Structures are given as C-alpha cells and as structure tokens.
Amino acid sequence: MRVHPFDAKHNKARVGVDKMLFLSGTIEKMHIPTINVILIRYTALIALNYYLQKRESNRTQHRANSTILTVR
C-alpha cells in the first residue's frame, strides 16, 4: 500500500502527539499534580485535532484544485 505523501509528512505530527500522551502517562505515574496531566492531555488532543483538521482541509483543497483543472 502506497502512503499518501501528505500522510507521510503529517505522521511526524502524530508521533509528536503520541509522545505527549506518553509523557502525560509517565507524569501520572510520578504523582505530579493532576492539573498538569490534564493540561498536557488537553494540549495533545488539541494538537491532534488541529493536524487532522488541517490534513482534511488540504485534501479537499487539493481535490477542488484538480476538479477545476479538469473542467478547464
């Protein structure tokens, strides 16, 4: 299966989010106040959401561009 170039580029972002979630898990084990863990988790989720939305909008944009080209 060929990886879409865009997916490959944004895998880095997903890895970053995974690291953040892993970090928050590690912090939880260390019994650092829960508020910090909640903040880190929340940030990670926002980051993931942002990248997924950006990816989706780029895909639709690309699709729109190619249809415009074919119509011409």
C-alpha atoms as a PDB file:
ATOM      1  CA  MET A   1       0.000   0.000   0.000  1.00  0.00           C
ATOM      2  CA  ARG A   2       1.446   3.351  -1.046  1.00  0.00           C
ATOM      3  CA  VAL A   3       1.475   6.025   1.628  1.00  0.00           C
ATOM      4  CA  HIS A   4      -0.067   9.301   0.554  1.00  0.00           C
ATOM      5  CA  PRO A   5       2.801  11.877   0.643  1.00  0.00           C
ATOM      6  CA  PHE A   6       0.677  14.140   2.792  1.00  0.00           C
ATOM      7  CA  ASP A   7       0.115  11.362   5.343  1.00  0.00           C
ATOM      8  CA  ALA A   8       3.838  10.682   5.485  1.00  0.00           C
ATOM      9  CA  LYS A   9       4.542  14.344   6.188  1.00  0.00           C
ATOM     10  CA  HIS A  10       1.934  14.548   8.923  1.00  0.00           C
ATOM     11  CA  ASN A  11       2.956  11.302  10.576  1.00  0.00           C
ATOM     12  CA  LYS A  12       5.613  13.382  12.333  1.00  0.00           C
ATOM     13  CA  ALA A  13       2.851  15.406  13.934  1.00  0.00           C
ATOM     14  CA  ARG A  14       1.067  12.274  15.076  1.00  0.00           C
ATOM     15  CA  VAL A  15       4.304  10.906  16.555  1.00  0.00           C
ATOM     16  CA  GLY A  16       4.693  14.193  18.453  1.00  0.00           C
ATOM     17  CA  VAL A  17       1.203  13.866  19.882  1.00  0.00           C
ATOM     18  CA  ASP A  18       1.878  10.237  20.839  1.00  0.00           C
ATOM     19  CA  LYS A  19       4.996  11.366  22.681  1.00  0.00           C
ATOM     20  CA  MET A  20       2.978  13.991  24.538  1.00  0.00           C
ATOM     21  CA  LEU A  21       0.355  11.430  25.558  1.00  0.00           C
ATOM     22  CA  PHE A  22       3.113   9.033  26.657  1.00  0.00           C
ATOM     23  CA  LEU A  23       4.696  11.832  28.670  1.00  0.00           C
ATOM     24  CA  SER A  24       1.412  12.606  30.382  1.00  0.00           C
ATOM     25  CA  GLY A  25       1.100   8.903  31.279  1.00  0.00           C
ATOM     26  CA  THR A  26       4.617   8.915  32.722  1.00  0.00           C
ATOM     27  CA  ILE A  27       3.914  12.081  34.705  1.00  0.00           C
ATOM     28  CA  GLU A  28       0.783  10.452  36.098  1.00  0.00           C
ATOM     29  CA  LYS A  29       2.885   7.541  37.393  1.00  0.00           C
ATOM     30  CA  MET A  30       5.203  10.041  39.080  1.00  0.00           C
ATOM     31  CA  HIS A  31       2.236  11.529  41.002  1.00  0.00           C
ATOM     32  CA  ILE A  32       2.758  15.090  39.813  1.00  0.00           C
ATOM     33  CA  PRO A  33      -0.416  17.127  40.489  1.00  0.00           C
ATOM     34  CA  THR A  34      -3.284  16.023  38.256  1.00  0.00           C
ATOM     35  CA  ILE A  35      -3.926  19.506  36.859  1.00  0.00           C
ATOM     36  CA  ASN A  36      -0.633  19.326  34.930  1.00  0.00           C
ATOM     37  CA  VAL A  37      -1.567  15.945  33.481  1.00  0.00           C
ATOM     38  CA  ILE A  38      -4.967  17.270  32.429  1.00  0.00           C
ATOM     39  CA  LEU A  39      -3.316  20.281  30.765  1.00  0.00           C
ATOM     40  CA  ILE A  40      -0.819  18.117  28.876  1.00  0.00           C
ATOM     41  CA  ARG A  41      -3.530  15.691  27.730  1.00  0.00           C
ATOM     42  CA  TYR A  42      -5.735  18.574  26.648  1.00  0.00           C
ATOM     43  CA  THR A  43      -2.884  20.174  24.693  1.00  0.00           C
ATOM     44  CA  ALA A  44      -2.122  16.860  22.991  1.00  0.00           C
ATOM     45  CA  LEU A  45      -5.754  16.416  21.979  1.00  0.00           C
ATOM     46  CA  ILE A  46      -5.954  19.969  20.632  1.00  0.00           C
ATOM     47  CA  ALA A  47      -2.760  19.397  18.634  1.00  0.00           C
ATOM     48  CA  LEU A  48      -4.072  16.132  17.196  1.00  0.00           C
ATOM     49  CA  ASN A  49      -7.406  17.706  16.326  1.00  0.00           C
ATOM     50  CA  TYR A  50      -5.655  20.656  14.656  1.00  0.00           C
ATOM     51  CA  TYR A  51      -3.474  18.420  12.484  1.00  0.00           C
ATOM     52  CA  LEU A  52      -6.366  16.177  11.470  1.00  0.00           C
ATOM     53  CA  GLN A  53      -8.493  19.185  10.506  1.00  0.00           C
ATOM     54  CA  LYS A  54      -5.610  20.754   8.599  1.00  0.00           C
ATOM     55  CA  ARG A  55      -4.991  17.481   6.783  1.00  0.00           C
ATOM     56  CA  GLU A  56      -8.652  17.166   5.836  1.00  0.00           C
ATOM     57  CA  SER A  57      -8.885  20.761   4.566  1.00  0.00           C
ATOM     58  CA  ASN A  58      -5.716  20.294   2.487  1.00  0.00           C
ATOM     59  CA  ARG A  59      -7.164  17.134   0.945  1.00  0.00           C
ATOM     60  CA  THR A  60     -10.429  18.818  -0.002  1.00  0.00           C
ATOM     61  CA  GLN A  61      -8.500  21.830  -1.299  1.00  0.00           C
ATOM     62  CA  HIS A  62      -6.370  19.538  -3.459  1.00  0.00           C
ATOM     63  CA  ARG A  63      -9.477  17.772  -4.714  1.00  0.00           C
ATOM     64  CA  ALA A  64     -11.103  21.115  -5.540  1.00  0.00           C
ATOM     65  CA  ASN A  65      -7.994  22.256  -7.427  1.00  0.00           C
ATOM     66  CA  SER A  66      -7.842  19.093  -9.525  1.00  0.00           C
ATOM     67  CA  THR A  67     -11.533  19.345 -10.462  1.00  0.00           C
ATOM     68  CA  ILE A  68     -11.051  22.956 -11.543  1.00  0.00           C
ATOM     69  CA  LEU A  69      -8.132  21.859 -13.726  1.00  0.00           C
ATOM     70  CA  THR A  70     -10.105  19.044 -15.352  1.00  0.00           C
ATOM     71  CA  VAL A  71     -13.060  21.345 -16.067  1.00  0.00           C
ATOM     72  CA  ARG A  72     -10.774  23.767 -17.910  1.00  0.00           C
END
